[in-house]
Amino acid sequence: MHILGNDGKNPKEIHPGPHELSGSIRKADLMEGRQISWKEDYVLNPVRLVKQWGLKSEIWSLQKPHLPDEETYGGVVIKRFPGTFSLLWNLLKEKNVALVLAHLRPYPPAILSPLTGKPCILIPHTYELGSNWPIKKISLFLMRRFKKVIALTPYERGVYLSNGLKEERVILLPHAIDADFFSGAPKASKASIQKKFSISNRDFVLTSISNFRKFKNLDTIIEAFASFNKRHPSSKLLIVGENQLKNPRYRDQSASRFKGVRDPEEIISQHKLKGRVIFTGGLNFEGVREALHISDIFVNNSDPETMGISVYEAAAAGIPSCLPSIPSFTAVFGSHALYSPPRDPEQLAKIFEQYFSQPALRESMRRELQQFIRQFDYPVFMKKLEALYRELISRR
């Protein structure tokens, strides 16, 4: 939760400079080991903006084991509270709060924040309004108390409008993408990157990048690759990201909807794909760019998915994409991708084959994607965010 304090400055009289890191937030502090580019950090991007206005900001969250009650990240104070009531009580008592940016609709401190009487914005990070009817109704009741609700895709915005949120309150504002970085070439040579990932120059490389949970349908991707690899043995599947399929932190993965999700290792063993499916584990954003640099096509088969930053990064790199035919992707990418239904390995394998057999299609997709993704670039996002913040803060 991003808390913006108003120290009396009038935002109409503030003239921020170029949208770069300033003050105590330094680029060098944010580079090492980061999974995403610092320009794509949706928690710190608002902080960068308001620091240029001379306004104070803090990040508030709940306490977690082995983490301090207070620390500094990127020059911003992070405060952690023992529970939801404690956080909201402290927010209620704060007198000089100009704006609250709350992340994640199911997160109690976020969705309840407007009850403190402070002006709040919500980024739900999900278009699912609840697992049952009562939760959905409570969610909508609370979402109507926010000054603005930020939707990351046109489909998400449509879901909120169709459920009664007022049009003027629902803003379409996708996360920023570091288009310049991902469209550029890595420092390392292509040959050295291929060697690092056990890829040969003759391999056709399919890449999937994610924080892999059950709704990402990794088993479907591997099943489709098994079929494709039988016809094209000189192919490799590069799996980039942490395997969270058995992480108890994600309790939703025990739901009945995921009953049919298979263990990736089981599928690899069944189809004798050892050495052809390559798990890199988690990579920082520079490692992600390297993986994309040696990729022929990019694969995502999630259901559901809001924005999926790695999909947009692959587009910035010009990698032709195989995406699930869910409206949060089709409403954005349109003809700039090929689609198959989630959890349908046969249809996904056909998409692999279509790209493989049509080099001209891959090249046209590459050119179109790199042009298309510019609308999500960091400077474009920051200008939109600045306009939104100025509007809301100036009302006070």
Protein backbone atom coordinates (compact mmCIF):
# COMPACT_ATOMS: atom_id res chain seq x y z
CA MET A 1 0.00 0.00 0.00
CA HIS A 2 1.53 3.28 -1.12
CA ILE A 3 0.76 6.16 1.26
CA LEU A 4 1.30 9.64 -0.15
CA GLY A 5 1.61 12.43 2.38
CA ASN A 6 0.58 15.98 1.52
CA ASP A 7 2.97 18.51 3.03
CA GLY A 8 1.08 21.52 1.77
CA LYS A 9 2.50 21.77 -1.74
CA ASN A 10 0.01 22.50 -4.50
CA PRO A 11 0.52 19.94 -7.31
CA LYS A 12 -0.65 22.51 -9.86
CA GLU A 13 2.49 24.49 -9.06
CA ILE A 14 4.88 21.54 -9.19
CA HIS A 15 6.92 21.06 -12.35
CA PRO A 16 8.66 17.67 -12.26
CA GLY A 17 11.61 17.02 -14.51
CA PRO A 18 12.18 13.98 -16.72
CA HIS A 19 10.75 10.78 -15.26
CA GLU A 20 13.95 9.24 -13.99
CA LEU A 21 15.10 8.15 -10.54
CA SER A 22 15.71 11.11 -8.30
CA GLY A 23 16.52 12.05 -4.74
CA SER A 24 17.40 9.05 -2.60
CA ILE A 25 16.10 6.50 -5.12
CA ARG A 26 19.09 5.53 -7.19
CA LYS A 27 19.12 3.22 -10.18
CA ALA A 28 22.19 1.43 -8.81
CA ASP A 29 20.25 0.49 -5.65
CA LEU A 30 17.59 -1.28 -7.70
CA MET A 31 19.53 -3.17 -10.34
CA GLU A 32 21.29 -6.13 -8.77
CA GLY A 33 19.23 -9.31 -8.55
CA ARG A 34 15.96 -7.72 -9.65
CA GLN A 35 13.50 -9.90 -11.52
CA ILE A 36 11.99 -6.94 -13.35
CA SER A 37 13.46 -3.77 -14.77
CA TRP A 38 13.32 -0.83 -12.36
CA LYS A 39 11.09 0.95 -14.89
CA GLU A 40 8.53 -1.83 -14.51
CA ASP A 41 8.37 -1.66 -10.71
CA TYR A 42 4.71 -0.73 -10.25
CA VAL A 43 5.23 -0.20 -6.52
CA LEU A 44 8.06 2.30 -6.91
CA ASN A 45 6.93 4.09 -10.08
CA PRO A 46 4.42 6.28 -8.17
CA VAL A 47 7.13 6.98 -5.59
CA ARG A 48 9.48 8.26 -8.29
CA LEU A 49 6.79 10.59 -9.53
CA VAL A 50 5.84 12.18 -6.23
CA LYS A 51 9.44 12.47 -5.02
CA GLN A 52 9.99 14.87 -7.90
CA TRP A 53 7.13 16.91 -6.46
CA GLY A 54 8.78 16.96 -3.04
CA LEU A 55 6.00 14.93 -1.43
CA LYS A 56 6.62 12.26 1.18
CA SER A 57 5.60 8.67 0.47
CA GLU A 58 5.72 5.40 2.38
CA ILE A 59 4.87 1.76 1.70
CA TRP A 60 2.67 0.06 4.31
CA SER A 61 2.14 -3.68 4.54
CA LEU A 62 1.64 -6.48 7.08
CA GLN A 63 4.38 -8.15 9.08
CA LYS A 64 5.96 -11.30 7.73
CA PRO A 65 8.35 -13.75 9.44
CA HIS A 66 12.02 -12.71 9.39
CA LEU A 67 11.23 -9.22 8.07
CA PRO A 68 11.73 -6.05 10.17
CA ASP A 69 8.85 -3.82 11.24
CA GLU A 70 10.47 -0.97 9.33
CA GLU A 71 13.13 -0.75 6.65
CA THR A 72 14.09 1.29 3.60
CA TYR A 73 13.83 0.06 0.01
CA GLY A 74 14.98 2.24 -2.86
CA GLY A 75 14.95 5.25 -0.55
CA VAL A 76 11.35 4.62 0.53
CA VAL A 77 10.31 3.73 4.07
CA ILE A 78 8.43 0.43 4.38
CA LYS A 79 6.31 0.01 7.50
CA ARG A 80 4.84 -3.35 8.51
CA PHE A 81 1.95 -3.74 10.93
CA PRO A 82 0.92 -6.79 12.99
CA GLY A 83 -2.53 -7.04 11.40
CA THR A 84 -5.13 -5.46 9.15
CA PHE A 85 -6.85 -3.60 12.00
CA SER A 86 -3.54 -2.13 13.19
CA LEU A 87 -2.64 -0.88 9.71
CA LEU A 88 -6.06 0.65 9.08
CA TRP A 89 -6.19 2.24 12.54
CA ASN A 90 -2.84 3.93 11.94
CA LEU A 91 -4.03 5.08 8.50
CA LEU A 92 -7.19 6.48 10.09
CA LYS A 93 -5.11 8.48 12.59
CA GLU A 94 -2.76 9.93 9.96
CA LYS A 95 -3.82 13.53 9.28
CA ASN A 96 -1.69 14.46 6.26
CA VAL A 97 -2.55 11.72 3.77
CA ALA A 98 -3.18 13.07 0.28
CA LEU A 99 -3.66 9.73 -1.47
CA VAL A 100 -3.49 5.97 -0.89
CA LEU A 101 -2.63 3.54 -3.70
CA ALA A 102 -3.82 0.09 -2.66
CA HIS A 103 -2.67 -3.08 -4.43
CA LEU A 104 -4.52 -6.40 -4.77
CA ARG A 105 -8.28 -6.63 -4.32
CA PRO A 106 -8.29 -9.80 -2.16
CA TYR A 107 -5.75 -8.26 0.27
CA PRO A 108 -7.79 -7.07 3.31
CA PRO A 109 -5.79 -3.88 4.10
CA ALA A 110 -6.08 -2.83 0.46
CA ILE A 111 -9.76 -3.43 -0.16
CA LEU A 112 -10.76 -1.96 3.24
CA SER A 113 -8.61 1.18 2.99
CA PRO A 114 -11.41 3.57 1.85
CA LEU A 115 -13.20 2.92 5.16
CA THR A 116 -10.57 5.11 6.83
CA GLY A 117 -11.98 8.14 5.02
CA LYS A 118 -8.77 8.71 3.04
CA PRO A 119 -8.86 9.17 -0.76
CA CYS A 120 -7.86 5.82 -2.26
CA ILE A 121 -7.00 4.26 -5.60
CA LEU A 122 -7.18 0.49 -6.11
CA ILE A 123 -5.20 -1.72 -8.49
CA PRO A 124 -7.00 -5.08 -8.08
CA HIS A 125 -4.43 -7.16 -10.08
CA THR A 126 -7.28 -9.56 -10.86
CA TYR A 127 -10.52 -9.33 -12.77
CA GLU A 128 -12.06 -12.15 -10.71
CA LEU A 129 -14.38 -10.42 -8.24
CA GLY A 130 -14.63 -13.29 -5.78
CA SER A 131 -14.85 -17.06 -5.44
CA ASN A 132 -18.55 -16.92 -4.52
CA TRP A 133 -21.58 -14.60 -4.63
CA PRO A 134 -21.18 -13.00 -1.15
CA ILE A 135 -17.49 -12.21 -1.68
CA LYS A 136 -18.29 -10.70 -5.07
CA LYS A 137 -20.98 -8.45 -3.59
CA ILE A 138 -18.73 -7.34 -0.73
CA SER A 139 -15.87 -6.67 -3.17
CA LEU A 140 -18.06 -4.50 -5.39
CA PHE A 141 -19.47 -2.63 -2.37
CA LEU A 142 -15.93 -1.73 -1.26
CA MET A 143 -14.61 -1.02 -4.76
CA ARG A 144 -17.28 1.66 -5.17
CA ARG A 145 -15.66 3.52 -2.26
CA PHE A 146 -12.42 4.13 -4.16
CA LYS A 147 -11.84 7.40 -6.00
CA LYS A 148 -10.43 5.40 -8.91
CA VAL A 149 -10.03 1.74 -9.79
CA ILE A 150 -7.17 1.01 -12.18
CA ALA A 151 -7.78 -1.73 -14.74
CA LEU A 152 -4.76 -3.21 -16.48
CA THR A 153 -6.59 -4.39 -19.62
CA PRO A 154 -9.71 -3.32 -21.56
CA TYR A 155 -11.37 -6.61 -20.63
CA GLU A 156 -10.78 -6.01 -16.92
CA ARG A 157 -12.29 -2.53 -17.22
CA GLY A 158 -15.31 -4.01 -18.96
CA VAL A 159 -15.83 -6.49 -16.12
CA TYR A 160 -15.97 -3.68 -13.57
CA LEU A 161 -18.31 -1.54 -15.67
CA SER A 162 -20.66 -4.45 -16.31
CA ASN A 163 -20.83 -4.99 -12.55
CA GLY A 164 -21.98 -1.46 -11.81
CA LEU A 165 -18.82 0.59 -11.24
CA LYS A 166 -19.16 4.07 -12.68
CA GLU A 167 -17.35 4.67 -15.95
CA GLU A 168 -15.55 7.80 -14.73
CA ARG A 169 -14.07 5.87 -11.80
CA VAL A 170 -12.54 2.98 -13.75
CA ILE A 171 -9.26 3.97 -15.42
CA LEU A 172 -7.42 1.87 -17.99
CA LEU A 173 -3.75 2.15 -17.05
CA PRO A 174 -1.55 -0.86 -17.87
CA HIS A 175 1.73 -1.33 -16.03
CA ALA A 176 4.82 0.27 -17.55
CA ILE A 177 7.03 -1.83 -19.83
CA ASP A 178 10.73 -1.13 -20.38
CA ALA A 179 10.42 -1.32 -24.15
CA ASP A 180 13.85 0.19 -24.84
CA PHE A 181 15.61 -2.39 -22.69
CA PHE A 182 13.85 -5.49 -23.97
CA SER A 183 14.02 -4.40 -27.61
CA GLY A 184 17.78 -3.99 -27.27
CA ALA A 185 20.51 -6.60 -27.53
CA PRO A 186 22.14 -8.12 -24.42
CA LYS A 187 25.78 -7.42 -23.64
CA ALA A 188 26.67 -11.10 -24.10
CA SER A 189 26.87 -12.65 -27.56
CA LYS A 190 24.14 -14.94 -28.79
CA ALA A 191 26.58 -17.86 -28.87
CA SER A 192 27.60 -17.39 -25.24
CA ILE A 193 23.96 -17.15 -24.14
CA GLN A 194 23.10 -20.32 -26.04
CA LYS A 195 25.97 -22.11 -24.36
CA LYS A 196 24.84 -20.96 -20.91
CA PHE A 197 21.38 -22.45 -21.47
CA SER A 198 22.59 -25.63 -23.26
CA ILE A 199 21.10 -24.50 -26.57
CA SER A 200 22.72 -25.23 -29.92
CA ASN A 201 22.63 -22.90 -32.92
CA ARG A 202 20.37 -25.31 -34.85
CA ASP A 203 17.73 -25.55 -32.09
CA PHE A 204 14.29 -24.03 -32.50
CA VAL A 205 13.67 -22.48 -29.07
CA LEU A 206 10.30 -22.08 -27.38
CA THR A 207 10.37 -20.03 -24.17
CA SER A 208 7.93 -19.55 -21.33
CA ILE A 209 8.61 -17.06 -18.53
CA SER A 210 6.61 -16.85 -15.35
CA ASN A 211 6.32 -17.30 -11.61
CA PHE A 212 4.88 -20.77 -12.24
CA ARG A 213 1.70 -21.54 -10.33
CA LYS A 214 -1.01 -23.98 -11.32
CA PHE A 215 -3.08 -21.45 -13.26
CA LYS A 216 -0.08 -20.91 -15.56
CA ASN A 217 -0.73 -24.39 -17.05
CA LEU A 218 2.91 -25.37 -17.40
CA ASP A 219 1.86 -29.00 -17.82
CA THR A 220 -0.12 -28.05 -20.95
CA ILE A 221 2.89 -26.23 -22.41
CA ILE A 222 5.17 -29.25 -21.86
CA GLU A 223 2.56 -31.65 -23.29
CA ALA A 224 2.27 -29.50 -26.42
CA PHE A 225 6.05 -29.31 -26.71
CA ALA A 226 6.32 -33.12 -26.42
CA SER A 227 4.11 -33.46 -29.50
CA PHE A 228 6.02 -30.75 -31.37
CA ASN A 229 9.41 -32.20 -30.42
CA LYS A 230 8.54 -35.60 -31.88
CA ARG A 231 8.27 -33.95 -35.29
CA HIS A 232 11.15 -31.54 -34.71
CA PRO A 233 13.82 -33.14 -32.49
CA SER A 234 16.07 -30.08 -32.84
CA SER A 235 13.84 -28.03 -30.58
CA LYS A 236 14.16 -26.97 -26.95
CA LEU A 237 11.70 -25.63 -24.39
CA LEU A 238 13.19 -23.02 -22.09
CA ILE A 239 11.29 -22.61 -18.80
CA VAL A 240 12.32 -19.38 -17.04
CA GLY A 241 11.10 -18.68 -13.51
CA GLU A 242 10.52 -20.18 -10.09
CA ASN A 243 8.44 -23.33 -9.78
CA GLN A 244 5.73 -22.48 -7.23
CA LEU A 245 3.44 -25.44 -7.92
CA LYS A 246 3.99 -26.95 -4.46
CA ASN A 247 4.53 -23.74 -2.53
CA PRO A 248 2.11 -23.79 0.47
CA ARG A 249 2.01 -20.00 0.37
CA TYR A 250 -0.37 -20.24 -2.58
CA ARG A 251 -3.25 -21.94 -0.81
CA ASP A 252 -5.60 -21.37 -3.77
CA GLN A 253 -3.72 -24.10 -5.65
CA SER A 254 -5.52 -26.75 -3.58
CA ALA A 255 -8.85 -25.75 -5.16
CA SER A 256 -10.77 -28.36 -7.15
CA ARG A 257 -10.30 -26.36 -10.37
CA PHE A 258 -6.63 -27.42 -10.34
CA LYS A 259 -7.29 -31.11 -9.73
CA GLY A 260 -6.17 -32.10 -13.23
CA VAL A 261 -2.88 -30.16 -13.23
CA ARG A 262 0.05 -32.57 -13.65
CA ASP A 263 3.59 -32.47 -12.32
CA PRO A 264 5.93 -31.17 -15.07
CA GLU A 265 8.62 -33.71 -14.15
CA GLU A 266 6.14 -36.53 -14.66
CA ILE A 267 5.40 -35.35 -18.20
CA ILE A 268 9.08 -34.88 -19.00
CA SER A 269 9.80 -38.43 -17.82
CA GLN A 270 6.81 -39.87 -19.72
CA HIS A 271 7.89 -38.34 -23.03
CA LYS A 272 11.66 -38.71 -22.45
CA LEU A 273 12.26 -34.97 -22.72
CA LYS A 274 15.19 -34.74 -20.33
CA GLY A 275 17.71 -32.28 -21.80
CA ARG A 276 15.09 -30.88 -24.16
CA VAL A 277 13.08 -29.08 -21.48
CA ILE A 278 15.45 -26.71 -19.69
CA PHE A 279 14.57 -25.11 -16.35
CA THR A 280 16.62 -21.99 -15.65
CA GLY A 281 15.04 -21.12 -12.31
CA GLY A 282 14.51 -17.47 -11.46
CA LEU A 283 16.49 -14.98 -13.53
CA ASN A 284 16.94 -11.24 -13.10
CA PHE A 285 15.59 -9.00 -15.83
CA GLU A 286 18.91 -9.01 -17.69
CA GLY A 287 18.84 -12.82 -17.72
CA VAL A 288 15.27 -12.69 -19.01
CA ARG A 289 16.37 -10.49 -21.90
CA GLU A 290 19.14 -12.98 -22.69
CA ALA A 291 16.64 -15.86 -22.76
CA LEU A 292 14.35 -13.92 -25.08
CA HIS A 293 17.28 -13.03 -27.33
CA ILE A 294 17.81 -16.71 -28.23
CA SER A 295 14.09 -17.57 -28.48
CA ASP A 296 12.11 -18.23 -31.64
CA ILE A 297 8.65 -18.11 -30.06
CA PHE A 298 7.19 -17.23 -26.66
CA VAL A 299 4.50 -19.27 -24.87
CA ASN A 300 1.94 -18.40 -22.22
CA ASN A 301 -1.08 -20.62 -21.47
CA SER A 302 -2.47 -19.01 -18.31
CA ASP A 303 -6.09 -18.97 -17.22
CA PRO A 304 -6.86 -16.50 -15.79
CA GLU A 305 -4.31 -13.70 -16.28
CA THR A 306 -4.59 -9.95 -15.87
CA MET A 307 -1.63 -8.40 -17.65
CA GLY A 308 1.30 -10.82 -17.46
CA ILE A 309 4.34 -8.54 -17.73
CA SER A 310 6.58 -11.24 -19.26
CA VAL A 311 4.19 -11.44 -22.24
CA TYR A 312 4.67 -7.73 -22.88
CA GLU A 313 8.44 -8.01 -22.41
CA ALA A 314 8.53 -10.77 -25.03
CA ALA A 315 6.56 -8.51 -27.36
CA ALA A 316 9.08 -5.71 -26.79
CA ALA A 317 11.82 -8.17 -27.73
CA GLY A 318 9.88 -8.97 -30.91
CA ILE A 319 9.28 -12.63 -30.04
CA PRO A 320 6.19 -14.09 -31.78
CA SER A 321 3.76 -15.24 -29.10
CA CYS A 322 1.46 -18.21 -28.51
CA LEU A 323 -1.15 -16.93 -26.06
CA PRO A 324 -4.26 -18.40 -24.46
CA SER A 325 -7.52 -17.28 -26.02
CA ILE A 326 -8.68 -15.44 -22.92
CA PRO A 327 -10.12 -11.92 -23.28
CA SER A 328 -7.46 -10.22 -21.16
CA PHE A 329 -4.98 -11.09 -23.93
CA THR A 330 -7.14 -11.07 -27.05
CA ALA A 331 -8.54 -7.62 -26.15
CA VAL A 332 -4.99 -6.24 -26.04
CA PHE A 333 -2.93 -8.12 -28.61
CA GLY A 334 -5.59 -8.80 -31.25
CA SER A 335 -3.90 -9.91 -34.46
CA HIS A 336 -0.41 -9.47 -32.97
CA ALA A 337 -0.39 -13.03 -31.55
CA LEU A 338 -1.68 -16.54 -32.27
CA TYR A 339 -4.09 -18.11 -29.78
CA SER A 340 -5.22 -21.48 -28.48
CA PRO A 341 -7.63 -22.41 -25.67
CA PRO A 342 -6.05 -22.82 -22.21
CA ARG A 343 -5.28 -26.42 -21.25
CA ASP A 344 -5.52 -27.71 -24.82
CA PRO A 345 -2.09 -29.13 -25.69
CA GLU A 346 -3.19 -30.37 -29.12
CA GLN A 347 -4.24 -26.92 -30.28
CA LEU A 348 -1.18 -25.30 -28.70
CA ALA A 349 1.08 -27.72 -30.57
CA LYS A 350 -0.61 -26.64 -33.81
CA ILE A 351 0.32 -23.03 -33.03
CA PHE A 352 3.94 -24.10 -32.49
CA GLU A 353 3.85 -25.83 -35.87
CA GLN A 354 2.34 -22.82 -37.60
CA TYR A 355 5.10 -20.53 -36.40
CA PHE A 356 7.81 -23.10 -37.15
CA SER A 357 6.64 -23.67 -40.73
CA GLN A 358 6.23 -19.96 -41.55
CA PRO A 359 9.42 -17.94 -41.02
CA ALA A 360 7.80 -14.99 -42.84
CA LEU A 361 4.98 -14.98 -40.28
CA ARG A 362 7.50 -14.91 -37.44
CA GLU A 363 9.34 -12.00 -39.02
CA SER A 364 6.18 -9.95 -39.65
CA MET A 365 5.04 -10.59 -36.07
CA ARG A 366 8.43 -9.47 -34.80
CA ARG A 367 8.20 -6.10 -36.57
CA GLU A 368 4.58 -5.50 -35.61
CA LEU A 369 5.07 -6.39 -31.94
CA GLN A 370 7.97 -4.02 -31.38
CA GLN A 371 5.96 -1.16 -32.82
CA PHE A 372 2.76 -2.16 -31.01
CA ILE A 373 4.37 -2.36 -27.56
CA ARG A 374 5.49 1.28 -27.59
CA GLN A 375 2.09 2.32 -26.23
CA PHE A 376 3.04 0.60 -22.96
CA ASP A 377 6.51 2.16 -22.69
CA TYR A 378 7.67 3.67 -19.41
CA PRO A 379 7.57 7.38 -20.44
CA VAL A 380 4.02 6.94 -21.78
CA PHE A 381 2.91 5.33 -18.53
CA MET A 382 4.51 8.00 -16.34
CA LYS A 383 2.74 10.82 -18.18
CA LYS A 384 -0.61 9.10 -17.64
CA LEU A 385 0.18 8.45 -13.99
CA GLU A 386 1.19 12.08 -13.49
CA ALA A 387 -2.12 13.28 -14.95
CA LEU A 388 -4.08 10.93 -12.66
CA TYR A 389 -2.20 11.96 -9.52
CA ARG A 390 -2.48 15.66 -10.29
CA GLU A 391 -6.23 15.31 -10.76
CA LEU A 392 -6.77 13.48 -7.47
CA ILE A 393 -4.39 15.44 -5.28
CA SER A 394 -5.57 18.84 -6.53
CA ARG A 395 -9.11 18.05 -5.38
CA ARG A 396 -8.04 18.20 -1.73
